[in-house]
Amino acid sequence: MSTKPILFVQYPRCTTCKRAHKWLDEHGVTYDVRHIVEQAPTAQELASWIATSGLPLRRFFNTSGKKYRELNMKDRFAQGISDEECIELLASDGMLVKRPIVVGDDFVLVGFKESEWAEVLL
């Protein structure tokens, strides 16, 4: 693994992000922190992260967030919203993006699953 710090994209008031932050510290993982609202991911970053992660684009949406419901994203997905439109929406508001996100040279983790993080980061 690279000795370069990973990027930890989080929302400080999110309890899952707090747990993930603590886990990184407890395991001695070197990281740079980025506030997902103050410095929302760009469309270009998101497109790259989605491709690197190998995950479906929908996994990058914070489906439990107020903004997701306000935009009727569930219906928009059912109607066939384009990937480009999804990426633009995600880039428009950090609160739409699932967090935390960990970005390394050759991996992207979305959400906090301890076993998955351990496998990739330790």
PDB file of N, CA and C in Angstrom:
ATOM      1  N   MET A   1       0.837  -1.184   0.000  1.00  0.00           N
ATOM      2  CA  MET A   1       0.000   0.000   0.000  1.00  0.00           C
ATOM      3  C   MET A   1       0.880   1.245   0.000  1.00  0.00           C
ATOM      4  N   SER A   2       0.393   2.295  -0.584  1.00  0.00           N
ATOM      5  CA  SER A   2       1.105   3.566  -0.670  1.00  0.00           C
ATOM      6  C   SER A   2       1.307   4.161   0.723  1.00  0.00           C
ATOM      7  N   THR A   3       2.405   4.889   0.914  1.00  0.00           N
ATOM      8  CA  THR A   3       2.624   5.575   2.181  1.00  0.00           C
ATOM      9  C   THR A   3       1.970   6.951   2.159  1.00  0.00           C
ATOM     10  N   LYS A   4       1.488   7.353   0.985  1.00  0.00           N
ATOM     11  CA  LYS A   4       0.755   8.612   0.857  1.00  0.00           C
ATOM     12  C   LYS A   4      -0.544   8.490   1.656  1.00  0.00           C
ATOM     13  N   PRO A   5      -0.933   9.544   2.390  1.00  0.00           N
ATOM     14  CA  PRO A   5      -2.174   9.459   3.165  1.00  0.00           C
ATOM     15  C   PRO A   5      -3.386   9.241   2.250  1.00  0.00           C
ATOM     16  N   ILE A   6      -4.349   8.503   2.763  1.00  0.00           N
ATOM     17  CA  ILE A   6      -5.600   8.362   2.037  1.00  0.00           C
ATOM     18  C   ILE A   6      -6.429   9.618   2.274  1.00  0.00           C
ATOM     19  N   LEU A   7      -7.460   9.796   1.483  1.00  0.00           N
ATOM     20  CA  LEU A   7      -8.382  10.908   1.656  1.00  0.00           C
ATOM     21  C   LEU A   7      -9.621  10.379   2.378  1.00  0.00           C
ATOM     22  N   PHE A   8      -9.959  10.996   3.488  1.00  0.00           N
ATOM     23  CA  PHE A   8     -11.131  10.628   4.282  1.00  0.00           C
ATOM     24  C   PHE A   8     -12.150  11.745   4.124  1.00  0.00           C
ATOM     25  N   VAL A   9     -13.193  11.476   3.361  1.00  0.00           N
ATOM     26  CA  VAL A   9     -14.224  12.476   3.082  1.00  0.00           C
ATOM     27  C   VAL A   9     -15.384  12.193   4.027  1.00  0.00           C
ATOM     28  N   GLN A  10     -15.725  13.203   4.843  1.00  0.00           N
ATOM     29  CA  GLN A  10     -16.707  12.964   5.894  1.00  0.00           C
ATOM     30  C   GLN A  10     -17.516  14.206   6.239  1.00  0.00           C
ATOM     31  N   TYR A  11     -18.580  13.990   6.986  1.00  0.00           N
ATOM     32  CA  TYR A  11     -19.394  15.056   7.548  1.00  0.00           C
ATOM     33  C   TYR A  11     -19.230  14.930   9.058  1.00  0.00           C
ATOM     34  N   PRO A  12     -18.600  15.914   9.702  1.00  0.00           N
ATOM     35  CA  PRO A  12     -18.220  15.780  11.114  1.00  0.00           C
ATOM     36  C   PRO A  12     -19.351  15.439  12.082  1.00  0.00           C
ATOM     37  N   ARG A  13     -20.579  15.834  11.780  1.00  0.00           N
ATOM     38  CA  ARG A  13     -21.683  15.566  12.704  1.00  0.00           C
ATOM     39  C   ARG A  13     -22.323  14.201  12.477  1.00  0.00           C
ATOM     40  N   CYS A  14     -21.899  13.495  11.461  1.00  0.00           N
ATOM     41  CA  CYS A  14     -22.432  12.167  11.135  1.00  0.00           C
ATOM     42  C   CYS A  14     -21.847  11.134  12.110  1.00  0.00           C
ATOM     43  N   THR A  15     -22.713  10.364  12.770  1.00  0.00           N
ATOM     44  CA  THR A  15     -22.222   9.393  13.758  1.00  0.00           C
ATOM     45  C   THR A  15     -21.404   8.283  13.099  1.00  0.00           C
ATOM     46  N   THR A  16     -21.777   7.869  11.897  1.00  0.00           N
ATOM     47  CA  THR A  16     -21.000   6.842  11.199  1.00  0.00           C
ATOM     48  C   THR A  16     -19.612   7.379  10.859  1.00  0.00           C
ATOM     49  N   CYS A  17     -19.536   8.628  10.447  1.00  0.00           N
ATOM     50  CA  CYS A  17     -18.238   9.244  10.143  1.00  0.00           C
ATOM     51  C   CYS A  17     -17.375   9.326  11.399  1.00  0.00           C
ATOM     52  N   LYS A  18     -17.997   9.638  12.524  1.00  0.00           N
ATOM     53  CA  LYS A  18     -17.255   9.700  13.792  1.00  0.00           C
ATOM     54  C   LYS A  18     -16.667   8.333  14.140  1.00  0.00           C
ATOM     55  N   ARG A  19     -17.479   7.277  13.962  1.00  0.00           N
ATOM     56  CA  ARG A  19     -16.986   5.917  14.224  1.00  0.00           C
ATOM     57  C   ARG A  19     -15.837   5.567  13.283  1.00  0.00           C
ATOM     58  N   ALA A  20     -15.982   5.930  12.013  1.00  0.00           N
ATOM     59  CA  ALA A  20     -14.946   5.636  11.020  1.00  0.00           C
ATOM     60  C   ALA A  20     -13.654   6.389  11.345  1.00  0.00           C
ATOM     61  N   HIS A  21     -13.808   7.642  11.748  1.00  0.00           N
ATOM     62  CA  HIS A  21     -12.667   8.491  12.119  1.00  0.00           C
ATOM     63  C   HIS A  21     -11.900   7.852  13.275  1.00  0.00           C
ATOM     64  N   LYS A  22     -12.662   7.411  14.279  1.00  0.00           N
ATOM     65  CA  LYS A  22     -12.060   6.761  15.452  1.00  0.00           C
ATOM     66  C   LYS A  22     -11.343   5.476  15.031  1.00  0.00           C
ATOM     67  N   TRP A  23     -11.971   4.698  14.147  1.00  0.00           N
ATOM     68  CA  TRP A  23     -11.388   3.443  13.672  1.00  0.00           C
ATOM     69  C   TRP A  23     -10.061   3.712  12.962  1.00  0.00           C
ATOM     70  N   LEU A  24     -10.024   4.713  12.100  1.00  0.00           N
ATOM     71  CA  LEU A  24      -8.779   5.059  11.391  1.00  0.00           C
ATOM     72  C   LEU A  24      -7.674   5.387  12.397  1.00  0.00           C
ATOM     73  N   ASP A  25      -8.020   6.210  13.393  1.00  0.00           N
ATOM     74  CA  ASP A  25      -7.034   6.594  14.412  1.00  0.00           C
ATOM     75  C   ASP A  25      -6.554   5.381  15.211  1.00  0.00           C
ATOM     76  N   GLU A  26      -7.483   4.534  15.619  1.00  0.00           N
ATOM     77  CA  GLU A  26      -7.125   3.352  16.412  1.00  0.00           C
ATOM     78  C   GLU A  26      -6.223   2.383  15.651  1.00  0.00           C
ATOM     79  N   HIS A  27      -6.332   2.385  14.325  1.00  0.00           N
ATOM     80  CA  HIS A  27      -5.545   1.466  13.503  1.00  0.00           C
ATOM     81  C   HIS A  27      -4.326   2.134  12.857  1.00  0.00           C
ATOM     82  N   GLY A  28      -4.046   3.365  13.257  1.00  0.00           N
ATOM     83  CA  GLY A  28      -2.846   4.056  12.785  1.00  0.00           C
ATOM     84  C   GLY A  28      -2.823   4.348  11.289  1.00  0.00           C
ATOM     85  N   VAL A  29      -3.997   4.497  10.701  1.00  0.00           N
ATOM     86  CA  VAL A  29      -4.076   4.805   9.266  1.00  0.00           C
ATOM     87  C   VAL A  29      -3.834   6.301   9.065  1.00  0.00           C
ATOM     88  N   THR A  30      -2.935   6.627   8.166  1.00  0.00           N
ATOM     89  CA  THR A  30      -2.630   8.035   7.862  1.00  0.00           C
ATOM     90  C   THR A  30      -3.632   8.549   6.829  1.00  0.00           C
ATOM     91  N   TYR A  31      -4.232   9.696   7.132  1.00  0.00           N
ATOM     92  CA  TYR A  31      -5.263  10.223   6.228  1.00  0.00           C
ATOM     93  C   TYR A  31      -5.323  11.739   6.277  1.00  0.00           C
ATOM     94  N   ASP A  32      -5.874  12.297   5.207  1.00  0.00           N
ATOM     95  CA  ASP A  32      -6.209  13.715   5.141  1.00  0.00           C
ATOM     96  C   ASP A  32      -7.728  13.792   5.221  1.00  0.00           C
ATOM     97  N   VAL A  33      -8.245  14.742   5.997  1.00  0.00           N
ATOM     98  CA  VAL A  33      -9.685  14.884   6.189  1.00  0.00           C
ATOM     99  C   VAL A  33     -10.240  15.957   5.265  1.00  0.00           C
ATOM    100  N   ARG A  34     -11.404  15.668   4.730  1.00  0.00           N
ATOM    101  CA  ARG A  34     -12.107  16.638   3.889  1.00  0.00           C
ATOM    102  C   ARG A  34     -13.578  16.663   4.287  1.00  0.00           C
ATOM    103  N   HIS A  35     -14.089  17.851   4.548  1.00  0.00           N
ATOM    104  CA  HIS A  35     -15.484  18.076   4.928  1.00  0.00           C
ATOM    105  C   HIS A  35     -16.338  18.022   3.663  1.00  0.00           C
ATOM    106  N   ILE A  36     -17.265  17.086   3.608  1.00  0.00           N
ATOM    107  CA  ILE A  36     -18.023  16.821   2.383  1.00  0.00           C
ATOM    108  C   ILE A  36     -18.959  17.956   1.967  1.00  0.00           C
ATOM    109  N   VAL A  37     -19.337  18.810   2.907  1.00  0.00           N
ATOM    110  CA  VAL A  37     -20.212  19.931   2.566  1.00  0.00           C
ATOM    111  C   VAL A  37     -19.387  21.166   2.210  1.00  0.00           C
ATOM    112  N   GLU A  38     -18.381  21.460   3.030  1.00  0.00           N
ATOM    113  CA  GLU A  38     -17.549  22.632   2.773  1.00  0.00           C
ATOM    114  C   GLU A  38     -16.732  22.490   1.496  1.00  0.00           C
ATOM    115  N   GLN A  39     -16.361  21.265   1.163  1.00  0.00           N
ATOM    116  CA  GLN A  39     -15.596  21.001  -0.052  1.00  0.00           C
ATOM    117  C   GLN A  39     -16.177  19.750  -0.723  1.00  0.00           C
ATOM    118  N   ALA A  40     -17.351  19.947  -1.319  1.00  0.00           N
ATOM    119  CA  ALA A  40     -18.058  18.826  -1.953  1.00  0.00           C
ATOM    120  C   ALA A  40     -17.220  18.253  -3.099  1.00  0.00           C
ATOM    121  N   PRO A  41     -17.304  16.957  -3.298  1.00  0.00           N
ATOM    122  CA  PRO A  41     -16.582  16.347  -4.414  1.00  0.00           C
ATOM    123  C   PRO A  41     -17.057  16.933  -5.747  1.00  0.00           C
ATOM    124  N   THR A  42     -16.140  17.120  -6.653  1.00  0.00           N
ATOM    125  CA  THR A  42     -16.496  17.624  -7.979  1.00  0.00           C
ATOM    126  C   THR A  42     -17.055  16.483  -8.831  1.00  0.00           C
ATOM    127  N   ALA A  43     -17.702  16.842  -9.925  1.00  0.00           N
ATOM    128  CA  ALA A  43     -18.230  15.824 -10.837  1.00  0.00           C
ATOM    129  C   ALA A  43     -17.095  14.947 -11.363  1.00  0.00           C
ATOM    130  N   GLN A  44     -15.953  15.560 -11.654  1.00  0.00           N
ATOM    131  CA  GLN A  44     -14.803  14.805 -12.165  1.00  0.00           C
ATOM    132  C   GLN A  44     -14.291  13.827 -11.101  1.00  0.00           C
ATOM    133  N   GLU A  45     -14.176  14.289  -9.855  1.00  0.00           N
ATOM    134  CA  GLU A  45     -13.738  13.402  -8.774  1.00  0.00           C
ATOM    135  C   GLU A  45     -14.722  12.239  -8.611  1.00  0.00           C
ATOM    136  N   LEU A  46     -16.000  12.564  -8.583  1.00  0.00           N
ATOM    137  CA  LEU A  46     -17.016  11.530  -8.393  1.00  0.00           C
ATOM    138  C   LEU A  46     -16.968  10.492  -9.509  1.00  0.00           C
ATOM    139  N   ALA A  47     -16.857  10.944 -10.744  1.00  0.00           N
ATOM    140  CA  ALA A  47     -16.789  10.006 -11.868  1.00  0.00           C
ATOM    141  C   ALA A  47     -15.590   9.075 -11.711  1.00  0.00           C
ATOM    142  N   SER A  48     -14.463   9.635 -11.301  1.00  0.00           N
ATOM    143  CA  SER A  48     -13.254   8.840 -11.094  1.00  0.00           C
ATOM    144  C   SER A  48     -13.432   7.869  -9.926  1.00  0.00           C
ATOM    145  N   TRP A  49     -13.995   8.342  -8.818  1.00  0.00           N
ATOM    146  CA  TRP A  49     -14.195   7.499  -7.643  1.00  0.00           C
ATOM    147  C   TRP A  49     -15.165   6.359  -7.952  1.00  0.00           C
ATOM    148  N   ILE A  50     -16.222   6.659  -8.676  1.00  0.00           N
ATOM    149  CA  ILE A  50     -17.210   5.637  -9.022  1.00  0.00           C
ATOM    150  C   ILE A  50     -16.545   4.556  -9.868  1.00  0.00           C
ATOM    151  N   ALA A  51     -15.765   4.978 -10.858  1.00  0.00           N
ATOM    152  CA  ALA A  51     -15.073   4.020 -11.729  1.00  0.00           C
ATOM    153  C   ALA A  51     -14.087   3.168 -10.932  1.00  0.00           C
ATOM    154  N   THR A  52     -13.311   3.798 -10.062  1.00  0.00           N
ATOM    155  CA  THR A  52     -12.310   3.079  -9.272  1.00  0.00           C
ATOM    156  C   THR A  52     -12.956   2.120  -8.283  1.00  0.00           C
ATOM    157  N   SER A  53     -14.075   2.527  -7.705  1.00  0.00           N
ATOM    158  CA  SER A  53     -14.732   1.708  -6.674  1.00  0.00           C
ATOM    159  C   SER A  53     -15.305   0.414  -7.238  1.00  0.00           C
ATOM    160  N   GLY A  54     -15.722   0.439  -8.498  1.00  0.00           N
ATOM    161  CA  GLY A  54     -16.389  -0.719  -9.077  1.00  0.00           C
ATOM    162  C   GLY A  54     -17.819  -0.885  -8.570  1.00  0.00           C
ATOM    163  N   LEU A  55     -18.306   0.092  -7.816  1.00  0.00           N
ATOM    164  CA  LEU A  55     -19.658   0.038  -7.260  1.00  0.00           C
ATOM    165  C   LEU A  55     -20.656   0.689  -8.206  1.00  0.00           C
ATOM    166  N   PRO A  56     -21.914   0.293  -8.105  1.00  0.00           N
ATOM    167  CA  PRO A  56     -22.945   0.984  -8.887  1.00  0.00           C
ATOM    168  C   PRO A  56     -23.034   2.439  -8.425  1.00  0.00           C
ATOM    169  N   LEU A  57     -23.311   3.325  -9.347  1.00  0.00           N
ATOM    170  CA  LEU A  57     -23.394   4.757  -9.043  1.00  0.00           C
ATOM    171  C   LEU A  57     -24.371   5.033  -7.897  1.00  0.00           C
ATOM    172  N   ARG A  58     -25.439   4.304  -7.835  1.00  0.00           N
ATOM    173  CA  ARG A  58     -26.458   4.524  -6.788  1.00  0.00           C
ATOM    174  C   ARG A  58     -25.888   4.393  -5.383  1.00  0.00           C
ATOM    175  N   ARG A  59     -24.843   3.606  -5.222  1.00  0.00           N
ATOM    176  CA  ARG A  59     -24.232   3.426  -3.897  1.00  0.00           C
ATOM    177  C   ARG A  59     -23.601   4.711  -3.368  1.00  0.00           C
ATOM    178  N   PHE A  60     -23.398   5.689  -4.238  1.00  0.00           N
ATOM    179  CA  PHE A  60     -22.791   6.948  -3.815  1.00  0.00           C
ATOM    180  C   PHE A  60     -23.827   7.946  -3.291  1.00  0.00           C
ATOM    181  N   PHE A  61     -25.092   7.586  -3.345  1.00  0.00           N
ATOM    182  CA  PHE A  61     -26.146   8.466  -2.830  1.00  0.00           C
ATOM    183  C   PHE A  61     -26.444   8.165  -1.373  1.00  0.00           C
ATOM    184  N   ASN A  62     -26.619   9.223  -0.595  1.00  0.00           N
ATOM    185  CA  ASN A  62     -27.033   9.132   0.798  1.00  0.00           C
ATOM    186  C   ASN A  62     -28.547   8.944   0.801  1.00  0.00           C
ATOM    187  N   THR A  63     -28.979   7.693   0.687  1.00  0.00           N
ATOM    188  CA  THR A  63     -30.399   7.395   0.531  1.00  0.00           C
ATOM    189  C   THR A  63     -31.228   7.698   1.776  1.00  0.00           C
ATOM    190  N   SER A  64     -30.588   7.882   2.916  1.00  0.00           N
ATOM    191  CA  SER A  64     -31.335   8.197   4.132  1.00  0.00           C
ATOM    192  C   SER A  64     -31.388   9.700   4.400  1.00  0.00           C
ATOM    193  N   GLY A  65     -30.807  10.489   3.512  1.00  0.00           N
ATOM    194  CA  GLY A  65     -30.765  11.934   3.709  1.00  0.00           C
ATOM    195  C   GLY A  65     -32.016  12.656   3.236  1.00  0.00           C
ATOM    196  N   LYS A  66     -32.248  13.805   3.835  1.00  0.00           N
ATOM    197  CA  LYS A  66     -33.402  14.644   3.507  1.00  0.00           C
ATOM    198  C   LYS A  66     -33.364  15.085   2.036  1.00  0.00           C
ATOM    199  N   LYS A  67     -32.197  15.458   1.567  1.00  0.00           N
ATOM    200  CA  LYS A  67     -32.049  15.950   0.195  1.00  0.00           C
ATOM    201  C   LYS A  67     -32.444  14.874  -0.821  1.00  0.00           C
ATOM    202  N   TYR A  68     -32.086  13.620  -0.553  1.00  0.00           N
ATOM    203  CA  TYR A  68     -32.421  12.492  -1.427  1.00  0.00           C
ATOM    204  C   TYR A  68     -33.941  12.401  -1.591  1.00  0.00           C
ATOM    205  N   ARG A  69     -34.651  12.531  -0.465  1.00  0.00           N
ATOM    206  CA  ARG A  69     -36.118  12.468  -0.501  1.00  0.00           C
ATOM    207  C   ARG A  69     -36.706  13.699  -1.190  1.00  0.00           C
ATOM    208  N   GLU A  70     -36.155  14.883  -0.882  1.00  0.00           N
ATOM    209  CA  GLU A  70     -36.657  16.118  -1.494  1.00  0.00           C
ATOM    210  C   GLU A  70     -36.576  16.060  -3.026  1.00  0.00           C
ATOM    211  N   LEU A  71     -35.511  15.450  -3.534  1.00  0.00           N
ATOM    212  CA  LEU A  71     -35.308  15.375  -4.991  1.00  0.00           C
ATOM    213  C   LEU A  71     -36.017  14.171  -5.619  1.00  0.00           C
ATOM    214  N   ASN A  72     -36.756  13.411  -4.808  1.00  0.00           N
ATOM    215  CA  ASN A  72     -37.457  12.217  -5.295  1.00  0.00           C
ATOM    216  C   ASN A  72     -36.532  11.304  -6.088  1.00  0.00           C
ATOM    217  N   MET A  73     -35.360  11.057  -5.540  1.00  0.00           N
ATOM    218  CA  MET A  73     -34.358  10.276  -6.272  1.00  0.00           C
ATOM    219  C   MET A  73     -34.824   8.860  -6.571  1.00  0.00           C
ATOM    220  N   LYS A  74     -35.574   8.253  -5.670  1.00  0.00           N
ATOM    221  CA  LYS A  74     -36.051   6.891  -5.908  1.00  0.00           C
ATOM    222  C   LYS A  74     -36.874   6.852  -7.206  1.00  0.00           C
ATOM    223  N   ASP A  75     -37.774   7.811  -7.365  1.00  0.00           N
ATOM    224  CA  ASP A  75     -38.586   7.888  -8.581  1.00  0.00           C
ATOM    225  C   ASP A  75     -37.729   8.224  -9.798  1.00  0.00           C
ATOM    226  N   ARG A  76     -36.759   9.100  -9.617  1.00  0.00           N
ATOM    227  CA  ARG A  76     -35.901   9.490 -10.742  1.00  0.00           C
ATOM    228  C   ARG A  76     -35.080   8.303 -11.243  1.00  0.00           C
ATOM    229  N   PHE A  77     -34.624   7.462 -10.305  1.00  0.00           N
ATOM    230  CA  PHE A  77     -33.913   6.248 -10.714  1.00  0.00           C
ATOM    231  C   PHE A  77     -34.852   5.333 -11.494  1.00  0.00           C
ATOM    232  N   ALA A  78     -36.085   5.204 -11.001  1.00  0.00           N
ATOM    233  CA  ALA A  78     -37.077   4.350 -11.666  1.00  0.00           C
ATOM    234  C   ALA A  78     -37.373   4.861 -13.082  1.00  0.00           C
ATOM    235  N   GLN A  79     -37.282   6.172 -13.272  1.00  0.00           N
ATOM    236  CA  GLN A  79     -37.564   6.777 -14.582  1.00  0.00           C
ATOM    237  C   GLN A  79     -36.342   6.775 -15.501  1.00  0.00           C
ATOM    238  N   GLY A  80     -35.206   6.307 -14.993  1.00  0.00           N
ATOM    239  CA  GLY A  80     -34.028   6.171 -15.843  1.00  0.00           C
ATOM    240  C   GLY A  80     -33.128   7.392 -15.926  1.00  0.00           C
ATOM    241  N   ILE A  81     -32.931   8.087 -14.822  1.00  0.00           N
ATOM    242  CA  ILE A  81     -32.016   9.234 -14.788  1.00  0.00           C
ATOM    243  C   ILE A  81     -30.631   8.792 -15.292  1.00  0.00           C
ATOM    244  N   SER A  82     -29.975   9.644 -16.051  1.00  0.00           N
ATOM    245  CA  SER A  82     -28.671   9.293 -16.629  1.00  0.00           C
ATOM    246  C   SER A  82     -27.561   9.351 -15.575  1.00  0.00           C
ATOM    247  N   ASP A  83     -26.487   8.616 -15.837  1.00  0.00           N
ATOM    248  CA  ASP A  83     -25.322   8.655 -14.948  1.00  0.00           C
ATOM    249  C   ASP A  83     -24.773  10.066 -14.852  1.00  0.00           C
ATOM    250  N   GLU A  84     -24.717  10.766 -15.978  1.00  0.00           N
ATOM    251  CA  GLU A  84     -24.172  12.130 -15.996  1.00  0.00           C
ATOM    252  C   GLU A  84     -24.999  13.045 -15.098  1.00  0.00           C
ATOM    253  N   GLU A  85     -26.327  12.929 -15.186  1.00  0.00           N
ATOM    254  CA  GLU A  85     -27.197  13.757 -14.359  1.00  0.00           C
ATOM    255  C   GLU A  85     -27.016  13.417 -12.876  1.00  0.00           C
ATOM    256  N   CYS A  86     -26.872  12.123 -12.578  1.00  0.00           N
ATOM    257  CA  CYS A  86     -26.641  11.695 -11.193  1.00  0.00           C
ATOM    258  C   CYS A  86     -25.352  12.299 -10.644  1.00  0.00           C
ATOM    259  N   ILE A  87     -24.303  12.240 -11.426  1.00  0.00           N
ATOM    260  CA  ILE A  87     -23.005  12.767 -10.989  1.00  0.00           C
ATOM    261  C   ILE A  87     -23.085  14.273 -10.764  1.00  0.00           C
ATOM    262  N   GLU A  88     -23.779  14.983 -11.657  1.00  0.00           N
ATOM    263  CA  GLU A  88     -23.953  16.432 -11.478  1.00  0.00           C
ATOM    264  C   GLU A  88     -24.736  16.739 -10.207  1.00  0.00           C
ATOM    265  N   LEU A  89     -25.767  15.957  -9.924  1.00  0.00           N
ATOM    266  CA  LEU A  89     -26.545  16.147  -8.689  1.00  0.00           C
ATOM    267  C   LEU A  89     -25.677  15.902  -7.461  1.00  0.00           C
ATOM    268  N   LEU A  90     -24.921  14.811  -7.469  1.00  0.00           N
ATOM    269  CA  LEU A  90     -24.034  14.507  -6.343  1.00  0.00           C
ATOM    270  C   LEU A  90     -23.035  15.635  -6.117  1.00  0.00           C
ATOM    271  N   ALA A  91     -22.491  16.170  -7.210  1.00  0.00           N
ATOM    272  CA  ALA A  91     -21.495  17.242  -7.099  1.00  0.00           C
ATOM    273  C   ALA A  91     -22.119  18.558  -6.645  1.00  0.00           C
ATOM    274  N   SER A  92     -23.423  18.697  -6.785  1.00  0.00           N
ATOM    275  CA  SER A  92     -24.086  19.953  -6.435  1.00  0.00           C
ATOM    276  C   SER A  92     -24.325  20.116  -4.937  1.00  0.00           C
ATOM    277  N   ASP A  93     -24.288  19.007  -4.186  1.00  0.00           N
ATOM    278  CA  ASP A  93     -24.592  19.085  -2.761  1.00  0.00           C
ATOM    279  C   ASP A  93     -23.970  17.900  -2.026  1.00  0.00           C
ATOM    280  N   GLY A  94     -22.990  18.182  -1.187  1.00  0.00           N
ATOM    281  CA  GLY A  94     -22.302  17.134  -0.436  1.00  0.00           C
ATOM    282  C   GLY A  94     -23.225  16.296   0.434  1.00  0.00           C
ATOM    283  N   MET A  95     -24.372  16.860   0.836  1.00  0.00           N
ATOM    284  CA  MET A  95     -25.293  16.107   1.678  1.00  0.00           C
ATOM    285  C   MET A  95     -25.992  14.986   0.911  1.00  0.00           C
ATOM    286  N   LEU A  96     -25.920  15.014  -0.402  1.00  0.00           N
ATOM    287  CA  LEU A  96     -26.504  13.941  -1.218  1.00  0.00           C
ATOM    288  C   LEU A  96     -25.588  12.721  -1.282  1.00  0.00           C
ATOM    289  N   VAL A  97     -24.326  12.928  -0.950  1.00  0.00           N
ATOM    290  CA  VAL A  97     -23.309  11.891  -1.113  1.00  0.00           C
ATOM    291  C   VAL A  97     -23.220  11.006   0.130  1.00  0.00           C
ATOM    292  N   LYS A  98     -23.215   9.701  -0.080  1.00  0.00           N
ATOM    293  CA  LYS A  98     -23.043   8.750   1.035  1.00  0.00           C
ATOM    294  C   LYS A  98     -21.655   8.957   1.630  1.00  0.00           C
ATOM    295  N   ARG A  99     -21.590   8.862   2.911  1.00  0.00           N
ATOM    296  CA  ARG A  99     -20.323   9.077   3.596  1.00  0.00           C
ATOM    297  C   ARG A  99     -20.193   8.087   4.741  1.00  0.00           C
ATOM    298  N   PRO A 100     -19.004   7.904   5.221  1.00  0.00           N
ATOM    299  CA  PRO A 100     -17.746   8.482   4.724  1.00  0.00           C
ATOM    300  C   PRO A 100     -17.288   7.796   3.437  1.00  0.00           C
ATOM    301  N   ILE A 101     -16.365   8.469   2.777  1.00  0.00           N
ATOM    302  CA  ILE A 101     -15.705   7.912   1.604  1.00  0.00           C
ATOM    303  C   ILE A 101     -14.210   7.934   1.886  1.00  0.00           C
ATOM    304  N   VAL A 102     -13.555   6.824   1.579  1.00  0.00           N
ATOM    305  CA  VAL A 102     -12.103   6.755   1.716  1.00  0.00           C
ATOM    306  C   VAL A 102     -11.536   6.527   0.319  1.00  0.00           C
ATOM    307  N   VAL A 103     -10.593   7.395  -0.056  1.00  0.00           N
ATOM    308  CA  VAL A 103     -10.021   7.326  -1.400  1.00  0.00           C
ATOM    309  C   VAL A 103      -8.518   7.095  -1.291  1.00  0.00           C
ATOM    310  N   GLY A 104      -8.051   6.040  -1.933  1.00  0.00           N
ATOM    311  CA  GLY A 104      -6.628   5.741  -2.014  1.00  0.00           C
ATOM    312  C   GLY A 104      -6.196   5.751  -3.471  1.00  0.00           C
ATOM    313  N   ASP A 105      -4.951   5.396  -3.714  1.00  0.00           N
ATOM    314  CA  ASP A 105      -4.427   5.392  -5.077  1.00  0.00           C
ATOM    315  C   ASP A 105      -5.207   4.462  -6.001  1.00  0.00           C
ATOM    316  N   ASP A 106      -5.620   3.306  -5.485  1.00  0.00           N
ATOM    317  CA  ASP A 106      -6.259   2.315  -6.349  1.00  0.00           C
ATOM    318  C   ASP A 106      -7.524   1.718  -5.731  1.00  0.00           C
ATOM    319  N   PHE A 107      -8.160   2.441  -4.813  1.00  0.00           N
ATOM    320  CA  PHE A 107      -9.398   1.960  -4.195  1.00  0.00           C
ATOM    321  C   PHE A 107     -10.248   3.125  -3.715  1.00  0.00           C
ATOM    322  N   VAL A 108     -11.530   2.877  -3.608  1.00  0.00           N
ATOM    323  CA  VAL A 108     -12.482   3.822  -3.025  1.00  0.00           C
ATOM    324  C   VAL A 108     -13.469   3.002  -2.205  1.00  0.00           C
ATOM    325  N   LEU A 109     -13.636   3.383  -0.942  1.00  0.00           N
ATOM    326  CA  LEU A 109     -14.604   2.730  -0.058  1.00  0.00           C
ATOM    327  C   LEU A 109     -15.709   3.728   0.259  1.00  0.00           C
ATOM    328  N   VAL A 110     -16.952   3.268   0.170  1.00  0.00           N
ATOM    329  CA  VAL A 110     -18.102   4.139   0.423  1.00  0.00           C
ATOM    330  C   VAL A 110     -18.895   3.562   1.587  1.00  0.00           C
ATOM    331  N   GLY A 111     -19.155   4.407   2.589  1.00  0.00           N
ATOM    332  CA  GLY A 111     -19.818   3.929   3.793  1.00  0.00           C
ATOM    333  C   GLY A 111     -18.766   3.276   4.694  1.00  0.00           C
ATOM    334  N   PHE A 112     -19.161   2.953   5.906  1.00  0.00           N
ATOM    335  CA  PHE A 112     -18.206   2.368   6.852  1.00  0.00           C
ATOM    336  C   PHE A 112     -18.606   0.951   7.200  1.00  0.00           C
ATOM    337  N   LYS A 113     -17.865   0.009   6.642  1.00  0.00           N
ATOM    338  CA  LYS A 113     -18.001  -1.406   6.992  1.00  0.00           C
ATOM    339  C   LYS A 113     -16.638  -1.827   7.503  1.00  0.00           C
ATOM    340  N   GLU A 114     -16.564  -2.055   8.797  1.00  0.00           N
ATOM    341  CA  GLU A 114     -15.292  -2.336   9.449  1.00  0.00           C
ATOM    342  C   GLU A 114     -14.495  -3.446   8.767  1.00  0.00           C
ATOM    343  N   SER A 115     -15.141  -4.539   8.433  1.00  0.00           N
ATOM    344  CA  SER A 115     -14.424  -5.665   7.825  1.00  0.00           C
ATOM    345  C   SER A 115     -13.854  -5.286   6.453  1.00  0.00           C
ATOM    346  N   GLU A 116     -14.626  -4.553   5.693  1.00  0.00           N
ATOM    347  CA  GLU A 116     -14.167  -4.103   4.372  1.00  0.00           C
ATOM    348  C   GLU A 116     -12.989  -3.139   4.513  1.00  0.00           C
ATOM    349  N   TRP A 117     -13.089  -2.224   5.453  1.00  0.00           N
ATOM    350  CA  TRP A 117     -12.015  -1.260   5.670  1.00  0.00           C
ATOM    351  C   TRP A 117     -10.749  -1.981   6.130  1.00  0.00           C
ATOM    352  N   ALA A 118     -10.900  -2.951   7.033  1.00  0.00           N
ATOM    353  CA  ALA A 118      -9.745  -3.694   7.541  1.00  0.00           C
ATOM    354  C   ALA A 118      -9.048  -4.434   6.401  1.00  0.00           C
ATOM    355  N   GLU A 119      -9.837  -5.045   5.541  1.00  0.00           N
ATOM    356  CA  GLU A 119      -9.275  -5.798   4.424  1.00  0.00           C
ATOM    357  C   GLU A 119      -8.460  -4.909   3.489  1.00  0.00           C
ATOM    358  N   VAL A 120      -8.926  -3.704   3.243  1.00  0.00           N
ATOM    359  CA  VAL A 120      -8.274  -2.806   2.299  1.00  0.00           C
ATOM    360  C   VAL A 120      -7.186  -1.941   2.938  1.00  0.00           C
ATOM    361  N   LEU A 121      -7.419  -1.511   4.173  1.00  0.00           N
ATOM    362  CA  LEU A 121      -6.532  -0.506   4.784  1.00  0.00           C
ATOM    363  C   LEU A 121      -5.455  -1.066   5.719  1.00  0.00           C
ATOM    364  N   LEU A 122      -5.625  -2.296   6.173  1.00  0.00           N
ATOM    365  CA  LEU A 122      -4.649  -2.813   7.149  1.00  0.00           C
ATOM    366  C   LEU A 122      -3.715  -3.831   6.535  1.00  0.00           C
TER     367      LEU A 122
END
